[in-house]
C-alpha atoms as a PDB file:
ATOM      1  CA  ALA A   1     186.226  74.102  78.232  1.00  0.00           C
ATOM      2  CA  SER A   2     187.238  77.669  77.300  1.00  0.00           C
ATOM      3  CA  ALA A   3     190.097  78.539  75.186  1.00  0.00           C
ATOM      4  CA  SER A   4     192.920  79.933  77.248  1.00  0.00           C
ATOM      5  CA  GLN A   5     193.130  83.645  77.906  1.00  0.00           C
ATOM      6  CA  ASP A   6     196.480  85.323  77.390  1.00  0.00           C
ATOM      7  CA  THR A   7     196.338  88.802  78.591  1.00  0.00           C
ATOM      8  CA  SER A   8     199.272  89.784  76.309  1.00  0.00           C
ATOM      9  CA  GLN A   9     197.160  89.188  73.202  1.00  0.00           C
ATOM     10  CA  SER A  10     195.274  92.145  71.636  1.00  0.00           C
ATOM     11  CA  GLU A  11     192.418  90.097  70.185  1.00  0.00           C
ATOM     12  CA  SER A  12     189.394  88.430  71.754  1.00  0.00           C
ATOM     13  CA  THR A  13     189.254  84.711  72.630  1.00  0.00           C
ATOM     14  CA  ALA A  14     186.041  82.494  71.909  1.00  0.00           C
ATOM     15  CA  SER A  15     184.555  80.286  74.503  1.00  0.00           C
ATOM     16  CA  ALA A  16     184.064  76.854  72.812  1.00  0.00           C
ATOM     17  CA  GLU A  17     180.873  76.139  74.823  1.00  0.00           C
ATOM     18  CA  SER A  18     178.953  79.450  74.891  1.00  0.00           C
ATOM     19  CA  GLY A  19     180.138  80.890  71.628  1.00  0.00           C
ATOM     20  CA  THR A  20     180.773  84.345  73.429  1.00  0.00           C
ATOM     21  CA  MET A  21     183.665  86.551  73.111  1.00  0.00           C
ATOM     22  CA  GLN A  22     185.990  87.226  76.035  1.00  0.00           C
ATOM     23  CA  PRO A  23     187.470  90.667  76.106  1.00  0.00           C
ATOM     24  CA  GLN A  24     191.230  90.730  76.229  1.00  0.00           C
ATOM     25  CA  THR A  25     193.437  93.275  77.983  1.00  0.00           C
ATOM     26  CA  GLY A  26     196.045  95.213  76.041  1.00  0.00           C
ATOM     27  CA  SER A  27     193.932  96.104  73.006  1.00  0.00           C
ATOM     28  CA  SER A  28     194.477  99.618  71.907  1.00  0.00           C
ATOM     29  CA  SER A  29     192.348 102.110  69.873  1.00  0.00           C
ATOM     30  CA  GLU A  30     194.591 101.525  66.930  1.00  0.00           C
ATOM     31  CA  ASP A  31     193.544  97.901  66.953  1.00  0.00           C
ATOM     32  CA  THR A  32     189.793  98.920  67.177  1.00  0.00           C
ATOM     33  CA  SER A  33     190.297 101.466  64.298  1.00  0.00           C
ATOM     34  CA  ALA A  34     192.068  98.935  62.153  1.00  0.00           C
ATOM     35  CA  ALA A  35     189.328  96.409  62.729  1.00  0.00           C
ATOM     36  CA  VAL A  36     186.458  99.016  61.868  1.00  0.00           C
ATOM     37  CA  SER A  37     188.470  99.913  58.817  1.00  0.00           C
ATOM     38  CA  ALA A  38     188.834  96.450  57.634  1.00  0.00           C
ATOM     39  CA  ILE A  39     185.122  95.820  57.980  1.00  0.00           C
ATOM     40  CA  VAL A  40     184.283  98.956  56.178  1.00  0.00           C
ATOM     41  CA  LYS A  41     186.661  97.973  53.255  1.00  0.00           C
ATOM     42  CA  GLN A  42     184.991  94.509  53.145  1.00  0.00           C
ATOM     43  CA  CYS A  43     181.411  95.911  53.115  1.00  0.00           C
ATOM     44  CA  MET A  44     181.667  98.949  50.973  1.00  0.00           C
ATOM     45  CA  PRO A  45     181.392  97.051  47.684  1.00  0.00           C
ATOM     46  CA  SER A  46     178.179  95.809  48.615  1.00  0.00           C
ATOM     47  CA  LEU A  47     176.546  99.218  49.153  1.00  0.00           C
ATOM     48  CA  VAL A  48     174.758 101.605  46.984  1.00  0.00           C
ATOM     49  CA  ALA A  49     173.384 105.168  47.269  1.00  0.00           C
ATOM     50  CA  ILE A  50     169.738 105.460  46.203  1.00  0.00           C
ATOM     51  CA  THR A  51     167.993 108.509  44.912  1.00  0.00           C
ATOM     52  CA  ASN A  52     164.229 108.702  44.638  1.00  0.00           C
ATOM     53  CA  VAL A  53     162.574 111.315  42.699  1.00  0.00           C
ATOM     54  CA  SER A  54     158.718 111.432  43.444  1.00  0.00           C
ATOM     55  CA  VAL A  55     155.713 113.630  43.029  1.00  0.00           C
ATOM     56  CA  LYS A  56     153.889 114.806  46.085  1.00  0.00           C
ATOM     57  CA  GLU A  57     150.515 116.551  46.240  1.00  0.00           C
ATOM     58  CA  VAL A  58     150.840 119.669  48.359  1.00  0.00           C
ATOM     59  CA  GLN A  59     147.924 122.011  49.355  1.00  0.00           C
ATOM     60  CA  ASN A  60     148.209 125.581  48.158  1.00  0.00           C
ATOM     61  CA  TYR A  61     147.119 127.794  50.906  1.00  0.00           C
ATOM     62  CA  TRP A  62     147.680 131.066  48.924  1.00  0.00           C
ATOM     63  CA  GLY A  63     144.588 132.104  47.031  1.00  0.00           C
ATOM     64  CA  PHE A  64     140.899 131.236  46.700  1.00  0.00           C
ATOM     65  CA  GLY A  65     138.855 129.016  44.307  1.00  0.00           C
ATOM     66  CA  TRP A  66     141.068 127.447  41.738  1.00  0.00           C
ATOM     67  CA  TYR A  67     144.240 128.789  43.176  1.00  0.00           C
ATOM     68  CA  SER A  68     143.750 127.003  46.402  1.00  0.00           C
ATOM     69  CA  GLN A  69     143.678 123.573  44.743  1.00  0.00           C
ATOM     70  CA  PRO A  70     146.364 120.982  45.634  1.00  0.00           C
ATOM     71  CA  GLN A  71     149.471 121.186  43.491  1.00  0.00           C
ATOM     72  CA  GLN A  72     151.967 118.593  42.500  1.00  0.00           C
ATOM     73  CA  GLU A  73     155.521 119.046  43.624  1.00  0.00           C
ATOM     74  CA  GLU A  74     158.683 117.014  42.904  1.00  0.00           C
ATOM     75  CA  GLU A  75     160.552 115.814  45.827  1.00  0.00           C
ATOM     76  CA  THR A  76     163.918 114.089  45.945  1.00  0.00           C
ATOM     77  CA  SER A  77     164.900 111.657  48.871  1.00  0.00           C
ATOM     78  CA  THR A  78     167.939 109.596  49.333  1.00  0.00           C
ATOM     79  CA  GLY A  79     168.933 106.467  51.163  1.00  0.00           C
ATOM     80  CA  THR A  80     171.269 103.336  51.226  1.00  0.00           C
ATOM     81  CA  GLY A  81     170.891  99.905  49.465  1.00  0.00           C
ATOM     82  CA  ILE A  82     172.687  96.573  50.060  1.00  0.00           C
ATOM     83  CA  ILE A  83     173.358  94.283  47.277  1.00  0.00           C
ATOM     84  CA  ILE A  84     171.721  90.909  48.060  1.00  0.00           C
ATOM     85  CA  GLY A  85     171.703  88.924  44.995  1.00  0.00           C
ATOM     86  CA  GLN A  86     171.625  88.603  41.263  1.00  0.00           C
ATOM     87  CA  ASN A  87     169.534  86.711  38.614  1.00  0.00           C
ATOM     88  CA  ASP A  88     170.213  86.254  35.020  1.00  0.00           C
ATOM     89  CA  SER A  89     169.286  89.914  34.095  1.00  0.00           C
ATOM     90  CA  GLU A  90     169.136  92.023  37.379  1.00  0.00           C
ATOM     91  CA  LEU A  91     171.119  93.032  40.440  1.00  0.00           C
ATOM     92  CA  LEU A  92     168.990  92.822  43.499  1.00  0.00           C
ATOM     93  CA  ILE A  93     169.241  95.458  46.223  1.00  0.00           C
ATOM     94  CA  VAL A  94     167.318  95.640  49.542  1.00  0.00           C
ATOM     95  CA  THR A  95     166.588  98.946  51.194  1.00  0.00           C
ATOM     96  CA  ASN A  96     163.964 100.692  53.309  1.00  0.00           C
ATOM     97  CA  ASN A  97     160.508 101.057  51.877  1.00  0.00           C
ATOM     98  CA  HIS A  98     160.381 104.748  52.936  1.00  0.00           C
ATOM     99  CA  VAL A  99     163.492 105.251  50.772  1.00  0.00           C
ATOM    100  CA  VAL A 100     161.779 104.092  47.405  1.00  0.00           C
ATOM    101  CA  GLU A 101     158.113 104.780  48.271  1.00  0.00           C
ATOM    102  CA  GLY A 102     156.193 106.732  45.699  1.00  0.00           C
ATOM    103  CA  ALA A 103     159.129 106.705  43.256  1.00  0.00           C
ATOM    104  CA  THR A 104     158.653 108.116  39.745  1.00  0.00           C
ATOM    105  CA  ASN A 105     162.374 107.963  39.070  1.00  0.00           C
ATOM    106  CA  LEU A 106     164.762 105.697  41.003  1.00  0.00           C
ATOM    107  CA  SER A 107     168.554 105.628  40.534  1.00  0.00           C
ATOM    108  CA  VAL A 108     171.443 103.925  42.160  1.00  0.00           C
ATOM    109  CA  LEU A 109     175.151 104.913  42.392  1.00  0.00           C
ATOM    110  CA  PHE A 110     177.402 102.192  43.503  1.00  0.00           C
ATOM    111  CA  SER A 111     179.806 102.906  46.330  1.00  0.00           C
ATOM    112  CA  VAL A 112     182.749 101.622  44.266  1.00  0.00           C
ATOM    113  CA  ASP A 113     181.984 104.454  41.779  1.00  0.00           C
ATOM    114  CA  GLU A 114     181.647 107.287  44.249  1.00  0.00           C
ATOM    115  CA  GLY A 115     184.059 110.117  43.642  1.00  0.00           C
ATOM    116  CA  LYS A 116     185.162 108.579  40.132  1.00  0.00           C
ATOM    117  CA  ASP A 117     185.366 110.973  37.264  1.00  0.00           C
ATOM    118  CA  GLY A 118     182.475 110.110  34.793  1.00  0.00           C
ATOM    119  CA  ALA A 119     180.566 107.802  37.146  1.00  0.00           C
ATOM    120  CA  ASN A 120     176.889 107.791  36.602  1.00  0.00           C
ATOM    121  CA  ALA A 121     174.006 106.400  38.480  1.00  0.00           C
ATOM    122  CA  VAL A 122     171.999 103.902  36.923  1.00  0.00           C
ATOM    123  CA  GLU A 123     168.147 103.420  36.647  1.00  0.00           C
ATOM    124  CA  ALA A 124     166.346 101.006  39.030  1.00  0.00           C
ATOM    125  CA  GLN A 125     162.906  99.577  39.426  1.00  0.00           C
ATOM    126  CA  ILE A 126     161.099  98.590  42.408  1.00  0.00           C
ATOM    127  CA  LYS A 127     160.512  94.748  42.616  1.00  0.00           C
ATOM    128  CA  GLY A 128     158.526  94.722  45.871  1.00  0.00           C
ATOM    129  CA  THR A 129     157.938  96.465  49.106  1.00  0.00           C
ATOM    130  CA  ASP A 130     156.460  95.919  52.599  1.00  0.00           C
ATOM    131  CA  ALA A 131     155.481  99.245  54.276  1.00  0.00           C
ATOM    132  CA  SER A 132     154.590  97.422  57.547  1.00  0.00           C
ATOM    133  CA  LYS A 133     158.148  96.132  57.779  1.00  0.00           C
ATOM    134  CA  ASP A 134     159.739  99.109  55.980  1.00  0.00           C
ATOM    135  CA  ILE A 135     161.605  97.048  53.517  1.00  0.00           C
ATOM    136  CA  GLY A 136     161.876  97.156  49.793  1.00  0.00           C
ATOM    137  CA  VAL A 137     163.696  95.431  47.107  1.00  0.00           C
ATOM    138  CA  ILE A 138     164.869  97.185  43.798  1.00  0.00           C
ATOM    139  CA  ALA A 139     166.549  95.930  40.735  1.00  0.00           C
ATOM    140  CA  VAL A 140     169.054  97.337  38.364  1.00  0.00           C
ATOM    141  CA  LYS A 141     169.515  95.711  34.844  1.00  0.00           C
ATOM    142  CA  LEU A 142     172.818  93.920  34.611  1.00  0.00           C
ATOM    143  CA  SER A 143     173.131  95.446  31.033  1.00  0.00           C
ATOM    144  CA  ASP A 144     173.142  98.983  32.657  1.00  0.00           C
ATOM    145  CA  ILE A 145     176.171  98.421  34.844  1.00  0.00           C
ATOM    146  CA  PRO A 146     179.518  99.217  33.351  1.00  0.00           C
ATOM    147  CA  ALA A 147     181.911  96.200  33.264  1.00  0.00           C
ATOM    148  CA  GLU A 148     184.482  97.964  35.493  1.00  0.00           C
ATOM    149  CA  THR A 149     181.799  98.490  38.160  1.00  0.00           C
ATOM    150  CA  MET A 150     180.522  94.928  37.911  1.00  0.00           C
ATOM    151  CA  SER A 151     184.060  93.673  38.601  1.00  0.00           C
ATOM    152  CA  GLU A 152     184.337  95.694  41.740  1.00  0.00           C
ATOM    153  CA  ILE A 153     180.939  95.163  43.442  1.00  0.00           C
ATOM    154  CA  LYS A 154     179.944  92.263  45.406  1.00  0.00           C
ATOM    155  CA  THR A 155     176.869  90.540  47.003  1.00  0.00           C
ATOM    156  CA  ALA A 156     176.734  91.326  50.745  1.00  0.00           C
ATOM    157  CA  THR A 157     177.156  88.440  53.231  1.00  0.00           C
ATOM    158  CA  ILE A 158     174.244  88.545  55.563  1.00  0.00           C
ATOM    159  CA  GLY A 159     174.634  87.815  59.086  1.00  0.00           C
ATOM    160  CA  ASP A 160     172.412  86.354  61.804  1.00  0.00           C
ATOM    161  CA  SER A 161     170.685  89.164  63.852  1.00  0.00           C
ATOM    162  CA  SER A 162     169.207  86.679  66.149  1.00  0.00           C
ATOM    163  CA  ALA A 163     172.851  86.225  67.500  1.00  0.00           C
ATOM    164  CA  MET A 164     172.901  89.868  68.566  1.00  0.00           C
ATOM    165  CA  SER A 165     172.987  90.822  72.293  1.00  0.00           C
ATOM    166  CA  VAL A 166     172.469  94.132  74.000  1.00  0.00           C
ATOM    167  CA  GLY A 167     175.875  95.772  74.386  1.00  0.00           C
ATOM    168  CA  ASP A 168     177.308  94.163  71.114  1.00  0.00           C
ATOM    169  CA  GLU A 169     179.246  96.775  69.095  1.00  0.00           C
ATOM    170  CA  VAL A 170     177.846  97.605  65.570  1.00  0.00           C
ATOM    171  CA  ILE A 171     179.076  99.635  62.566  1.00  0.00           C
ATOM    172  CA  ALA A 172     176.547 101.567  60.477  1.00  0.00           C
ATOM    173  CA  ILE A 173     177.564 102.399  56.894  1.00  0.00           C
ATOM    174  CA  GLY A 174     175.241 104.478  54.811  1.00  0.00           C
ATOM    175  CA  ASN A 175     174.286 107.251  52.541  1.00  0.00           C
ATOM    176  CA  ALA A 176     173.556 109.711  55.302  1.00  0.00           C
ATOM    177  CA  LEU A 177     171.263 112.687  54.192  1.00  0.00           C
ATOM    178  CA  GLY A 178     172.596 112.092  50.546  1.00  0.00           C
ATOM    179  CA  TYR A 179     176.238 113.177  51.414  1.00  0.00           C
ATOM    180  CA  GLY A 180     177.677 109.959  50.247  1.00  0.00           C
ATOM    181  CA  GLN A 181     178.791 106.831  52.246  1.00  0.00           C
ATOM    182  CA  SER A 182     179.619 107.483  55.911  1.00  0.00           C
ATOM    183  CA  VAL A 183     180.587 105.350  58.739  1.00  0.00           C
ATOM    184  CA  THR A 184     179.789 105.355  62.440  1.00  0.00           C
ATOM    185  CA  LYS A 185     180.015 102.877  65.357  1.00  0.00           C
ATOM    186  CA  GLY A 186     177.576 102.118  68.083  1.00  0.00           C
ATOM    187  CA  ILE A 187     176.335  99.711  70.643  1.00  0.00           C
ATOM    188  CA  VAL A 188     173.146  97.708  70.541  1.00  0.00           C
ATOM    189  CA  SER A 189     171.015  99.281  73.114  1.00  0.00           C
ATOM    190  CA  ALA A 190     167.850  97.125  72.831  1.00  0.00           C
ATOM    191  CA  LEU A 191     166.381  94.249  70.857  1.00  0.00           C
ATOM    192  CA  ASP A 192     162.961  93.366  69.644  1.00  0.00           C
ATOM    193  CA  ARG A 193     161.617  96.800  69.798  1.00  0.00           C
ATOM    194  CA  GLU A 194     158.420  97.577  67.727  1.00  0.00           C
END
């Protein structure tokens, strides 16, 4: 039995048997915008911007002999992390392996601190990575996080990706190209791609 469908409502109605959402008529772009805004507000305290400073070896093609030897060059990359847990001494953050790979200096800026005067990034350490799955876990010492920041951040609520379907709407929040947290909306176009 499905819940009744009232076309004057501006929200979706769930089917009790299938668990699917039935779209309702009468919803407006303001409703959608408000829903996206609410999701972003809920998720933002769980996000961090990660900066990775690493040293890469590059070939010097100018010169002969000793001058053509590989040289080391410092490289900075950025990415996003999600707060997934906390133990007695550390805050645990999941990110992509390619964001933290080869790090010689890793730092985290909490999204709740972004734009605040005097906000500083804190040092992080790699706890573990899996290059084949492009996943990494980093940690920040709780003692390095200011009390005000600690009171504003939260551990993310992790959903069930196996419940996703092609065509579902999704929201992506991240530190795009190191410019700070940004938001975009899209649609799941495929599942289980390698």
